[in-house]
Amino acid sequence: WYRQAPGKQRRVVAVITSDDSPNYAESVKGRFTISKDNAKN
């Protein structure tokens, strides 16, 4: 997931790898959670 605020560059928010390892931007750590459901795509 990426985000772009008005007048700013797009920045990464959170990513998750194929083995379900997440990483977060410092600004959202502890507040946002990324997840995926491979069965539902």
PDB file of all heavy atoms in Angstrom:
ATOM      1  N   TRP A   1       0.853  -1.179   0.000  1.00  0.00           N
ATOM      2  CA  TRP A   1       0.000   0.000   0.000  1.00  0.00           C
ATOM      3  C   TRP A   1       0.896   1.238   0.000  1.00  0.00           C
ATOM      4  O   TRP A   1       1.863   1.314   0.775  1.00  0.00           O
ATOM      5  CB  TRP A   1      -0.911   0.027   1.220  1.00  0.00           C
ATOM      6  CG  TRP A   1      -2.016  -0.954   1.165  1.00  0.00           C
ATOM      7  CD1 TRP A   1      -2.051  -2.206   1.716  1.00  0.00           C
ATOM      8  CD2 TRP A   1      -3.282  -0.768   0.522  1.00  0.00           C
ATOM      9  NE1 TRP A   1      -3.247  -2.810   1.445  1.00  0.00           N
ATOM     10  CE2 TRP A   1      -4.029  -1.952   0.722  1.00  0.00           C
ATOM     11  CE3 TRP A   1      -3.865   0.273  -0.192  1.00  0.00           C
ATOM     12  CZ2 TRP A   1      -5.325  -2.118   0.233  1.00  0.00           C
ATOM     13  CZ3 TRP A   1      -5.147   0.111  -0.682  1.00  0.00           C
ATOM     14  CH2 TRP A   1      -5.851  -1.072  -0.470  1.00  0.00           C
ATOM     15  N   TYR A   2       0.551   2.178  -0.862  1.00  0.00           N
ATOM     16  CA  TYR A   2       1.248   3.449  -0.952  1.00  0.00           C
ATOM     17  C   TYR A   2       0.223   4.557  -0.786  1.00  0.00           C
ATOM     18  O   TYR A   2      -0.981   4.337  -0.963  1.00  0.00           O
ATOM     19  CB  TYR A   2       1.928   3.588  -2.312  1.00  0.00           C
ATOM     20  CG  TYR A   2       3.118   2.672  -2.506  1.00  0.00           C
ATOM     21  CD1 TYR A   2       2.954   1.301  -2.624  1.00  0.00           C
ATOM     22  CD2 TYR A   2       4.410   3.190  -2.570  1.00  0.00           C
ATOM     23  CE1 TYR A   2       4.042   0.457  -2.792  1.00  0.00           C
ATOM     24  CE2 TYR A   2       5.505   2.365  -2.751  1.00  0.00           C
ATOM     25  CZ  TYR A   2       5.315   0.994  -2.859  1.00  0.00           C
ATOM     26  OH  TYR A   2       6.404   0.178  -3.034  1.00  0.00           O
ATOM     27  N   ARG A   3       0.697   5.744  -0.474  1.00  0.00           N
ATOM     28  CA  ARG A   3      -0.218   6.874  -0.394  1.00  0.00           C
ATOM     29  C   ARG A   3       0.435   8.130  -0.949  1.00  0.00           C
ATOM     30  O   ARG A   3       1.651   8.293  -0.901  1.00  0.00           O
ATOM     31  CB  ARG A   3      -0.684   7.107   1.034  1.00  0.00           C
ATOM     32  CG  ARG A   3       0.374   7.587   2.011  1.00  0.00           C
ATOM     33  CD  ARG A   3      -0.208   7.638   3.427  1.00  0.00           C
ATOM     34  NE  ARG A   3       0.759   8.118   4.409  1.00  0.00           N
ATOM     35  CZ  ARG A   3       0.542   8.114   5.724  1.00  0.00           C
ATOM     36  NH1 ARG A   3      -0.607   7.651   6.215  1.00  0.00           N
ATOM     37  NH2 ARG A   3       1.470   8.576   6.550  1.00  0.00           N
ATOM     38  N   GLN A   4      -0.428   8.990  -1.477  1.00  0.00           N
ATOM     39  CA  GLN A   4       0.028  10.262  -2.002  1.00  0.00           C
ATOM     40  C   GLN A   4      -0.880  11.359  -1.496  1.00  0.00           C
ATOM     41  O   GLN A   4      -2.072  11.389  -1.816  1.00  0.00           O
ATOM     42  CB  GLN A   4       0.051  10.256  -3.526  1.00  0.00           C
ATOM     43  CG  GLN A   4       0.664  11.511  -4.118  1.00  0.00           C
ATOM     44  CD  GLN A   4       0.920  11.380  -5.606  1.00  0.00           C
ATOM     45  OE1 GLN A   4       0.344  10.535  -6.283  1.00  0.00           O
ATOM     46  NE2 GLN A   4       1.810  12.212  -6.127  1.00  0.00           N
ATOM     47  N   ALA A   5      -0.303  12.238  -0.696  1.00  0.00           N
ATOM     48  CA  ALA A   5      -1.035  13.391  -0.186  1.00  0.00           C
ATOM     49  C   ALA A   5      -0.940  14.518  -1.215  1.00  0.00           C
ATOM     50  O   ALA A   5      -0.017  14.547  -2.036  1.00  0.00           O
ATOM     51  CB  ALA A   5      -0.442  13.836   1.145  1.00  0.00           C
ATOM     52  N   PRO A   6      -1.873  15.465  -1.167  1.00  0.00           N
ATOM     53  CA  PRO A   6      -1.860  16.571  -2.126  1.00  0.00           C
ATOM     54  C   PRO A   6      -0.532  17.314  -2.112  1.00  0.00           C
ATOM     55  O   PRO A   6      -0.028  17.690  -1.051  1.00  0.00           O
ATOM     56  CB  PRO A   6      -3.006  17.463  -1.638  1.00  0.00           C
ATOM     57  CG  PRO A   6      -3.928  16.546  -0.925  1.00  0.00           C
ATOM     58  CD  PRO A   6      -3.038  15.528  -0.269  1.00  0.00           C
ATOM     59  N   GLY A   7       0.057  17.484  -3.289  1.00  0.00           N
ATOM     60  CA  GLY A   7       1.300  18.223  -3.403  1.00  0.00           C
ATOM     61  C   GLY A   7       2.538  17.487  -2.950  1.00  0.00           C
ATOM     62  O   GLY A   7       3.623  18.068  -2.870  1.00  0.00           O
ATOM     63  N   LYS A   8       2.375  16.196  -2.651  1.00  0.00           N
ATOM     64  CA  LYS A   8       3.520  15.412  -2.167  1.00  0.00           C
ATOM     65  C   LYS A   8       3.744  14.189  -3.041  1.00  0.00           C
ATOM     66  O   LYS A   8       2.879  13.778  -3.799  1.00  0.00           O
ATOM     67  CB  LYS A   8       3.300  14.995  -0.717  1.00  0.00           C
ATOM     68  CG  LYS A   8       3.229  16.173   0.253  1.00  0.00           C
ATOM     69  CD  LYS A   8       3.194  15.702   1.682  1.00  0.00           C
ATOM     70  CE  LYS A   8       3.200  16.879   2.646  1.00  0.00           C
ATOM     71  NZ  LYS A   8       3.182  16.430   4.058  1.00  0.00           N
ATOM     72  N   GLN A   9       4.927  13.607  -2.893  1.00  0.00           N
ATOM     73  CA  GLN A   9       5.242  12.396  -3.636  1.00  0.00           C
ATOM     74  C   GLN A   9       4.555  11.186  -3.028  1.00  0.00           C
ATOM     75  O   GLN A   9       4.237  11.160  -1.828  1.00  0.00           O
ATOM     76  CB  GLN A   9       6.760  12.162  -3.632  1.00  0.00           C
ATOM     77  CG  GLN A   9       7.553  13.142  -4.474  1.00  0.00           C
ATOM     78  CD  GLN A   9       9.028  12.767  -4.542  1.00  0.00           C
ATOM     79  OE1 GLN A   9       9.581  12.236  -3.587  1.00  0.00           O
ATOM     80  NE2 GLN A   9       9.650  13.030  -5.681  1.00  0.00           N
ATOM     81  N   ARG A  10       4.319  10.196  -3.867  1.00  0.00           N
ATOM     82  CA  ARG A  10       3.765   8.941  -3.376  1.00  0.00           C
ATOM     83  C   ARG A  10       4.822   8.241  -2.516  1.00  0.00           C
ATOM     84  O   ARG A  10       5.989   8.157  -2.897  1.00  0.00           O
ATOM     85  CB  ARG A  10       3.348   8.053  -4.539  1.00  0.00           C
ATOM     86  CG  ARG A  10       2.687   6.760  -4.108  1.00  0.00           C
ATOM     87  CD  ARG A  10       1.928   6.110  -5.248  1.00  0.00           C
ATOM     88  NE  ARG A  10       2.746   5.900  -6.414  1.00  0.00           N
ATOM     89  CZ  ARG A  10       2.261   5.541  -7.608  1.00  0.00           C
ATOM     90  NH1 ARG A  10       0.967   5.366  -7.764  1.00  0.00           N
ATOM     91  NH2 ARG A  10       3.066   5.360  -8.635  1.00  0.00           N
ATOM     92  N   ARG A  11       4.361   7.726  -1.380  1.00  0.00           N
ATOM     93  CA  ARG A  11       5.276   7.056  -0.447  1.00  0.00           C
ATOM     94  C   ARG A  11       4.691   5.718  -0.024  1.00  0.00           C
ATOM     95  O   ARG A  11       3.471   5.543   0.042  1.00  0.00           O
ATOM     96  CB  ARG A  11       5.518   7.937   0.780  1.00  0.00           C
ATOM     97  CG  ARG A  11       6.243   9.234   0.473  1.00  0.00           C
ATOM     98  CD  ARG A  11       6.647   9.958   1.734  1.00  0.00           C
ATOM     99  NE  ARG A  11       7.362  11.206   1.444  1.00  0.00           N
ATOM    100  CZ  ARG A  11       8.645  11.273   1.202  1.00  0.00           C
ATOM    101  NH1 ARG A  11       9.384  10.189   1.200  1.00  0.00           N
ATOM    102  NH2 ARG A  11       9.220  12.435   0.965  1.00  0.00           N
ATOM    103  N   VAL A  12       5.587   4.822   0.297  1.00  0.00           N
ATOM    104  CA  VAL A  12       5.152   3.506   0.749  1.00  0.00           C
ATOM    105  C   VAL A  12       4.569   3.624   2.161  1.00  0.00           C
ATOM    106  O   VAL A  12       5.063   4.384   3.001  1.00  0.00           O
ATOM    107  CB  VAL A  12       6.323   2.494   0.723  1.00  0.00           C
ATOM    108  CG1 VAL A  12       7.433   2.924   1.640  1.00  0.00           C
ATOM    109  CG2 VAL A  12       5.842   1.102   1.021  1.00  0.00           C
ATOM    110  N   VAL A  13       3.515   2.874   2.382  1.00  0.00           N
ATOM    111  CA  VAL A  13       2.877   2.820   3.696  1.00  0.00           C
ATOM    112  C   VAL A  13       3.186   1.494   4.376  1.00  0.00           C
ATOM    113  O   VAL A  13       3.630   1.446   5.522  1.00  0.00           O
ATOM    114  CB  VAL A  13       1.352   2.979   3.568  1.00  0.00           C
ATOM    115  CG1 VAL A  13       0.671   2.796   4.930  1.00  0.00           C
ATOM    116  CG2 VAL A  13       1.003   4.331   2.974  1.00  0.00           C
ATOM    117  N   ALA A  14       2.941   0.411   3.637  1.00  0.00           N
ATOM    118  CA  ALA A  14       3.166  -0.921   4.181  1.00  0.00           C
ATOM    119  C   ALA A  14       3.292  -1.900   3.028  1.00  0.00           C
ATOM    120  O   ALA A  14       2.650  -1.730   2.001  1.00  0.00           O
ATOM    121  CB  ALA A  14       2.013  -1.338   5.102  1.00  0.00           C
ATOM    122  N   VAL A  15       4.116  -2.920   3.230  1.00  0.00           N
ATOM    123  CA  VAL A  15       4.277  -3.976   2.238  1.00  0.00           C
ATOM    124  C   VAL A  15       4.241  -5.319   2.944  1.00  0.00           C
ATOM    125  O   VAL A  15       4.521  -5.412   4.137  1.00  0.00           O
ATOM    126  CB  VAL A  15       5.587  -3.831   1.430  1.00  0.00           C
ATOM    127  CG1 VAL A  15       5.610  -2.526   0.648  1.00  0.00           C
ATOM    128  CG2 VAL A  15       6.801  -3.942   2.332  1.00  0.00           C
ATOM    129  N   ILE A  16       3.906  -6.329   2.169  1.00  0.00           N
ATOM    130  CA  ILE A  16       3.904  -7.689   2.697  1.00  0.00           C
ATOM    131  C   ILE A  16       4.446  -8.611   1.622  1.00  0.00           C
ATOM    132  O   ILE A  16       4.065  -8.522   0.456  1.00  0.00           O
ATOM    133  CB  ILE A  16       2.491  -8.097   3.168  1.00  0.00           C
ATOM    134  CG1 ILE A  16       2.520  -9.446   3.866  1.00  0.00           C
ATOM    135  CG2 ILE A  16       1.485  -8.085   2.025  1.00  0.00           C
ATOM    136  CD1 ILE A  16       1.247  -9.758   4.643  1.00  0.00           C
ATOM    137  N   THR A  17       5.362  -9.480   2.014  1.00  0.00           N
ATOM    138  CA  THR A  17       6.014 -10.346   1.047  1.00  0.00           C
ATOM    139  C   THR A  17       5.208 -11.621   0.811  1.00  0.00           C
ATOM    140  O   THR A  17       4.216 -11.887   1.503  1.00  0.00           O
ATOM    141  CB  THR A  17       7.417 -10.716   1.529  1.00  0.00           C
ATOM    142  OG1 THR A  17       7.293 -11.465   2.753  1.00  0.00           O
ATOM    143  CG2 THR A  17       8.261  -9.470   1.785  1.00  0.00           C
ATOM    144  N   SER A  18       5.679 -12.417  -0.135  1.00  0.00           N
ATOM    145  CA  SER A  18       4.976 -13.654  -0.464  1.00  0.00           C
ATOM    146  C   SER A  18       4.970 -14.631   0.707  1.00  0.00           C
ATOM    147  O   SER A  18       4.102 -15.504   0.773  1.00  0.00           O
ATOM    148  CB  SER A  18       5.597 -14.302  -1.692  1.00  0.00           C
ATOM    149  OG  SER A  18       6.972 -14.526  -1.502  1.00  0.00           O
ATOM    150  N   ASP A  19       5.930 -14.490   1.627  1.00  0.00           N
ATOM    151  CA  ASP A  19       5.930 -15.347   2.823  1.00  0.00           C
ATOM    152  C   ASP A  19       5.315 -14.642   4.020  1.00  0.00           C
ATOM    153  O   ASP A  19       5.597 -15.005   5.174  1.00  0.00           O
ATOM    154  CB  ASP A  19       7.342 -15.838   3.143  1.00  0.00           C
ATOM    155  CG  ASP A  19       8.308 -14.714   3.448  1.00  0.00           C
ATOM    156  OD1 ASP A  19       7.909 -13.543   3.340  1.00  0.00           O
ATOM    157  OD2 ASP A  19       9.462 -15.006   3.792  1.00  0.00           O
ATOM    158  N   ASP A  20       4.488 -13.621   3.736  1.00  0.00           N
ATOM    159  CA  ASP A  20       3.693 -12.924   4.755  1.00  0.00           C
ATOM    160  C   ASP A  20       4.520 -12.146   5.765  1.00  0.00           C
ATOM    161  O   ASP A  20       4.106 -11.962   6.909  1.00  0.00           O
ATOM    162  CB  ASP A  20       2.783 -13.909   5.496  1.00  0.00           C
ATOM    163  CG  ASP A  20       1.652 -14.407   4.613  1.00  0.00           C
ATOM    164  OD1 ASP A  20       1.293 -13.690   3.659  1.00  0.00           O
ATOM    165  OD2 ASP A  20       1.160 -15.523   4.847  1.00  0.00           O
ATOM    166  N   SER A  21       5.641 -11.637   5.344  1.00  0.00           N
ATOM    167  CA  SER A  21       6.454 -10.785   6.209  1.00  0.00           C
ATOM    168  C   SER A  21       6.108  -9.324   5.938  1.00  0.00           C
ATOM    169  O   SER A  21       6.295  -8.833   4.819  1.00  0.00           O
ATOM    170  CB  SER A  21       7.938 -11.032   5.950  1.00  0.00           C
ATOM    171  OG  SER A  21       8.727 -10.148   6.720  1.00  0.00           O
ATOM    172  N   PRO A  22       5.571  -8.610   6.941  1.00  0.00           N
ATOM    173  CA  PRO A  22       5.179  -7.220   6.725  1.00  0.00           C
ATOM    174  C   PRO A  22       6.283  -6.234   7.090  1.00  0.00           C
ATOM    175  O   PRO A  22       7.146  -6.517   7.921  1.00  0.00           O
ATOM    176  CB  PRO A  22       3.995  -7.052   7.674  1.00  0.00           C
ATOM    177  CG  PRO A  22       4.343  -7.929   8.836  1.00  0.00           C
ATOM    178  CD  PRO A  22       5.142  -9.081   8.261  1.00  0.00           C
ATOM    179  N   ASN A  23       6.212  -5.075   6.462  1.00  0.00           N
ATOM    180  CA  ASN A  23       7.066  -3.951   6.830  1.00  0.00           C
ATOM    181  C   ASN A  23       6.252  -2.680   6.710  1.00  0.00           C
ATOM    182  O   ASN A  23       5.395  -2.570   5.832  1.00  0.00           O
ATOM    183  CB  ASN A  23       8.306  -3.866   5.929  1.00  0.00           C
ATOM    184  CG  ASN A  23       9.401  -4.788   6.392  1.00  0.00           C
ATOM    185  OD1 ASN A  23      10.087  -4.519   7.378  1.00  0.00           O
ATOM    186  ND2 ASN A  23       9.552  -5.904   5.701  1.00  0.00           N
ATOM    187  N   TYR A  24       6.550  -1.725   7.601  1.00  0.00           N
ATOM    188  CA  TYR A  24       5.748  -0.520   7.677  1.00  0.00           C
ATOM    189  C   TYR A  24       6.615   0.731   7.649  1.00  0.00           C
ATOM    190  O   TYR A  24       7.752   0.734   8.140  1.00  0.00           O
ATOM    191  CB  TYR A  24       4.934  -0.506   8.975  1.00  0.00           C
ATOM    192  CG  TYR A  24       3.982  -1.662   9.100  1.00  0.00           C
ATOM    193  CD1 TYR A  24       4.358  -2.835   9.759  1.00  0.00           C
ATOM    194  CD2 TYR A  24       2.700  -1.589   8.557  1.00  0.00           C
ATOM    195  CE1 TYR A  24       3.479  -3.904   9.866  1.00  0.00           C
ATOM    196  CE2 TYR A  24       1.818  -2.646   8.659  1.00  0.00           C
ATOM    197  CZ  TYR A  24       2.219  -3.796   9.312  1.00  0.00           C
ATOM    198  OH  TYR A  24       1.348  -4.857   9.417  1.00  0.00           O
ATOM    199  N   ALA A  25       6.039   1.792   7.118  1.00  0.00           N
ATOM    200  CA  ALA A  25       6.665   3.098   7.250  1.00  0.00           C
ATOM    201  C   ALA A  25       6.641   3.477   8.733  1.00  0.00           C
ATOM    202  O   ALA A  25       5.712   3.118   9.459  1.00  0.00           O
ATOM    203  CB  ALA A  25       5.904   4.131   6.430  1.00  0.00           C
ATOM    204  N   GLU A  26       7.653   4.198   9.159  1.00  0.00           N
ATOM    205  CA  GLU A  26       7.736   4.570  10.572  1.00  0.00           C
ATOM    206  C   GLU A  26       6.499   5.330  11.031  1.00  0.00           C
ATOM    207  O   GLU A  26       6.042   5.172  12.160  1.00  0.00           O
ATOM    208  CB  GLU A  26       8.984   5.426  10.806  1.00  0.00           C
ATOM    209  CG  GLU A  26      10.297   4.661  10.827  1.00  0.00           C
ATOM    210  CD  GLU A  26      10.397   3.704  11.999  1.00  0.00           C
ATOM    211  OE1 GLU A  26       9.826   4.018  13.069  1.00  0.00           O
ATOM    212  OE2 GLU A  26      11.026   2.651  11.841  1.00  0.00           O
ATOM    213  N   SER A  27       5.941   6.126  10.147  1.00  0.00           N
ATOM    214  CA  SER A  27       4.820   6.983  10.525  1.00  0.00           C
ATOM    215  C   SER A  27       3.535   6.223  10.824  1.00  0.00           C
ATOM    216  O   SER A  27       2.615   6.779  11.430  1.00  0.00           O
ATOM    217  CB  SER A  27       4.551   8.001   9.417  1.00  0.00           C
ATOM    218  OG  SER A  27       4.250   7.348   8.205  1.00  0.00           O
ATOM    219  N   VAL A  28       3.463   4.950  10.415  1.00  0.00           N
ATOM    220  CA  VAL A  28       2.234   4.186  10.631  1.00  0.00           C
ATOM    221  C   VAL A  28       2.436   2.970  11.519  1.00  0.00           C
ATOM    222  O   VAL A  28       1.467   2.266  11.833  1.00  0.00           O
ATOM    223  CB  VAL A  28       1.604   3.747   9.284  1.00  0.00           C
ATOM    224  CG1 VAL A  28       1.412   4.940   8.358  1.00  0.00           C
ATOM    225  CG2 VAL A  28       2.430   2.663   8.608  1.00  0.00           C
ATOM    226  N   LYS A  29       3.655   2.715  11.931  1.00  0.00           N
ATOM    227  CA  LYS A  29       3.922   1.557  12.787  1.00  0.00           C
ATOM    228  C   LYS A  29       3.088   1.623  14.053  1.00  0.00           C
ATOM    229  O   LYS A  29       2.994   2.666  14.700  1.00  0.00           O
ATOM    230  CB  LYS A  29       5.410   1.498  13.150  1.00  0.00           C
ATOM    231  CG  LYS A  29       6.280   0.864  12.093  1.00  0.00           C
ATOM    232  CD  LYS A  29       7.728   0.749  12.566  1.00  0.00           C
ATOM    233  CE  LYS A  29       8.592   0.109  11.502  1.00  0.00           C
ATOM    234  NZ  LYS A  29      10.017   0.026  11.931  1.00  0.00           N
ATOM    235  N   GLY A  30       2.480   0.494  14.391  1.00  0.00           N
ATOM    236  CA  GLY A  30       1.652   0.429  15.583  1.00  0.00           C
ATOM    237  C   GLY A  30       0.219   0.880  15.365  1.00  0.00           C
ATOM    238  O   GLY A  30      -0.626   0.694  16.229  1.00  0.00           O
ATOM    239  N   ARG A  31      -0.054   1.478  14.218  1.00  0.00           N
ATOM    240  CA  ARG A  31      -1.415   1.944  13.922  1.00  0.00           C
ATOM    241  C   ARG A  31      -2.031   1.201  12.741  1.00  0.00           C
ATOM    242  O   ARG A  31      -3.249   0.968  12.725  1.00  0.00           O
ATOM    243  CB  ARG A  31      -1.406   3.447  13.602  1.00  0.00           C
ATOM    244  CG  ARG A  31      -0.881   4.311  14.730  1.00  0.00           C
ATOM    245  CD  ARG A  31      -1.095   5.797  14.428  1.00  0.00           C
ATOM    246  NE  ARG A  31      -0.387   6.234  13.239  1.00  0.00           N
ATOM    247  CZ  ARG A  31      -0.959   6.834  12.202  1.00  0.00           C
ATOM    248  NH1 ARG A  31      -2.259   7.076  12.188  1.00  0.00           N
ATOM    249  NH2 ARG A  31      -0.229   7.227  11.159  1.00  0.00           N
ATOM    250  N   PHE A  32      -1.220   0.864  11.748  1.00  0.00           N
ATOM    251  CA  PHE A  32      -1.718   0.206  10.539  1.00  0.00           C
ATOM    252  C   PHE A  32      -1.252  -1.254  10.526  1.00  0.00           C
ATOM    253  O   PHE A  32      -0.155  -1.573  11.011  1.00  0.00           O
ATOM    254  CB  PHE A  32      -1.168   0.896   9.292  1.00  0.00           C
ATOM    255  CG  PHE A  32      -1.703   2.278   9.029  1.00  0.00           C
ATOM    256  CD1 PHE A  32      -2.460   2.968   9.963  1.00  0.00           C
ATOM    257  CD2 PHE A  32      -1.460   2.891   7.811  1.00  0.00           C
ATOM    258  CE1 PHE A  32      -2.944   4.239   9.716  1.00  0.00           C
ATOM    259  CE2 PHE A  32      -1.932   4.156   7.528  1.00  0.00           C
ATOM    260  CZ  PHE A  32      -2.668   4.835   8.489  1.00  0.00           C
ATOM    261  N   THR A  33      -2.074  -2.098   9.921  1.00  0.00           N
ATOM    262  CA  THR A  33      -1.732  -3.503   9.765  1.00  0.00           C
ATOM    263  C   THR A  33      -2.057  -3.945   8.349  1.00  0.00           C
ATOM    264  O   THR A  33      -3.196  -3.793   7.902  1.00  0.00           O
ATOM    265  CB  THR A  33      -2.498  -4.383  10.759  1.00  0.00           C
ATOM    266  OG1 THR A  33      -2.221  -3.951  12.097  1.00  0.00           O
ATOM    267  CG2 THR A  33      -2.087  -5.844  10.606  1.00  0.00           C
ATOM    268  N   ILE A  34      -1.057  -4.497   7.670  1.00  0.00           N
ATOM    269  CA  ILE A  34      -1.279  -5.044   6.328  1.00  0.00           C
ATOM    270  C   ILE A  34      -1.446  -6.549   6.435  1.00  0.00           C
ATOM    271  O   ILE A  34      -0.797  -7.203   7.255  1.00  0.00           O
ATOM    272  CB  ILE A  34      -0.108  -4.677   5.373  1.00  0.00           C
ATOM    273  CG1 ILE A  34      -0.447  -5.077   3.944  1.00  0.00           C
ATOM    274  CG2 ILE A  34       1.205  -5.296   5.841  1.00  0.00           C
ATOM    275  CD1 ILE A  34       0.558  -4.545   2.913  1.00  0.00           C
ATOM    276  N   SER A  35      -2.340  -7.073   5.618  1.00  0.00           N
ATOM    277  CA  SER A  35      -2.546  -8.521   5.596  1.00  0.00           C
ATOM    278  C   SER A  35      -3.015  -8.915   4.210  1.00  0.00           C
ATOM    279  O   SER A  35      -3.405  -8.051   3.411  1.00  0.00           O
ATOM    280  CB  SER A  35      -3.575  -8.949   6.648  1.00  0.00           C
ATOM    281  OG  SER A  35      -4.837  -8.353   6.387  1.00  0.00           O
ATOM    282  N   LYS A  36      -2.965 -10.204   3.928  1.00  0.00           N
ATOM    283  CA  LYS A  36      -3.468 -10.670   2.637  1.00  0.00           C
ATOM    284  C   LYS A  36      -4.100 -12.029   2.773  1.00  0.00           C
ATOM    285  O   LYS A  36      -3.773 -12.791   3.697  1.00  0.00           O
ATOM    286  CB  LYS A  36      -2.372 -10.666   1.567  1.00  0.00           C
ATOM    287  CG  LYS A  36      -1.190 -11.594   1.802  1.00  0.00           C
ATOM    288  CD  LYS A  36      -0.147 -11.335   0.713  1.00  0.00           C
ATOM    289  CE  LYS A  36       1.097 -12.168   0.924  1.00  0.00           C
ATOM    290  NZ  LYS A  36       0.975 -13.531   0.387  1.00  0.00           N
ATOM    291  N   ASP A  37      -5.012 -12.299   1.877  1.00  0.00           N
ATOM    292  CA  ASP A  37      -5.710 -13.583   1.824  1.00  0.00           C
ATOM    293  C   ASP A  37      -5.461 -14.151   0.436  1.00  0.00           C
ATOM    294  O   ASP A  37      -6.091 -13.730  -0.541  1.00  0.00           O
ATOM    295  CB  ASP A  37      -7.207 -13.367   2.085  1.00  0.00           C
ATOM    296  CG  ASP A  37      -7.971 -14.668   2.175  1.00  0.00           C
ATOM    297  OD1 ASP A  37      -7.545 -15.671   1.556  1.00  0.00           O
ATOM    298  OD2 ASP A  37      -9.018 -14.681   2.841  1.00  0.00           O
ATOM    299  N   ASN A  38      -4.522 -15.073   0.352  1.00  0.00           N
ATOM    300  CA  ASN A  38      -4.163 -15.622  -0.959  1.00  0.00           C
ATOM    301  C   ASN A  38      -5.330 -16.366  -1.608  1.00  0.00           C
ATOM    302  O   ASN A  38      -5.475 -16.366  -2.828  1.00  0.00           O
ATOM    303  CB  ASN A  38      -2.963 -16.556  -0.824  1.00  0.00           C
ATOM    304  CG  ASN A  38      -1.684 -15.817  -0.501  1.00  0.00           C
ATOM    305  OD1 ASN A  38      -1.535 -14.637  -0.826  1.00  0.00           O
ATOM    306  ND2 ASN A  38      -0.758 -16.503   0.153  1.00  0.00           N
ATOM    307  N   ALA A  39      -6.150 -16.983  -0.796  1.00  0.00           N
ATOM    308  CA  ALA A  39      -7.275 -17.751  -1.349  1.00  0.00           C
ATOM    309  C   ALA A  39      -8.288 -16.835  -2.039  1.00  0.00           C
ATOM    310  O   ALA A  39      -8.939 -17.229  -3.015  1.00  0.00           O
ATOM    311  CB  ALA A  39      -7.950 -18.543  -0.241  1.00  0.00           C
ATOM    312  N   LYS A  40      -8.424 -15.626  -1.532  1.00  0.00           N
ATOM    313  CA  LYS A  40      -9.374 -14.664  -2.095  1.00  0.00           C
ATOM    314  C   LYS A  40      -8.702 -13.637  -2.999  1.00  0.00           C
ATOM    315  O   LYS A  40      -9.388 -12.787  -3.572  1.00  0.00           O
ATOM    316  CB  LYS A  40     -10.114 -13.943  -0.970  1.00  0.00           C
ATOM    317  CG  LYS A  40     -10.984 -14.851  -0.119  1.00  0.00           C
ATOM    318  CD  LYS A  40     -11.711 -14.051   0.951  1.00  0.00           C
ATOM    319  CE  LYS A  40     -12.609 -14.963   1.790  1.00  0.00           C
ATOM    320  NZ  LYS A  40     -13.323 -14.207   2.858  1.00  0.00           N
ATOM    321  N   ASN A  41      -7.393 -13.688  -3.115  1.00  0.00           N
ATOM    322  CA  ASN A  41      -6.634 -12.706  -3.901  1.00  0.00           C
ATOM    323  C   ASN A  41      -6.904 -11.283  -3.422  1.00  0.00           C
ATOM    324  O   ASN A  41      -7.163 -10.378  -4.220  1.00  0.00           O
ATOM    325  CB  ASN A  41      -6.937 -12.846  -5.396  1.00  0.00           C
ATOM    326  CG  ASN A  41      -6.514 -14.195  -5.935  1.00  0.00           C
ATOM    327  OD1 ASN A  41      -5.466 -14.721  -5.533  1.00  0.00           O
ATOM    328  ND2 ASN A  41      -7.315 -14.757  -6.816  1.00  0.00           N
TER     329      ASN A  41
END
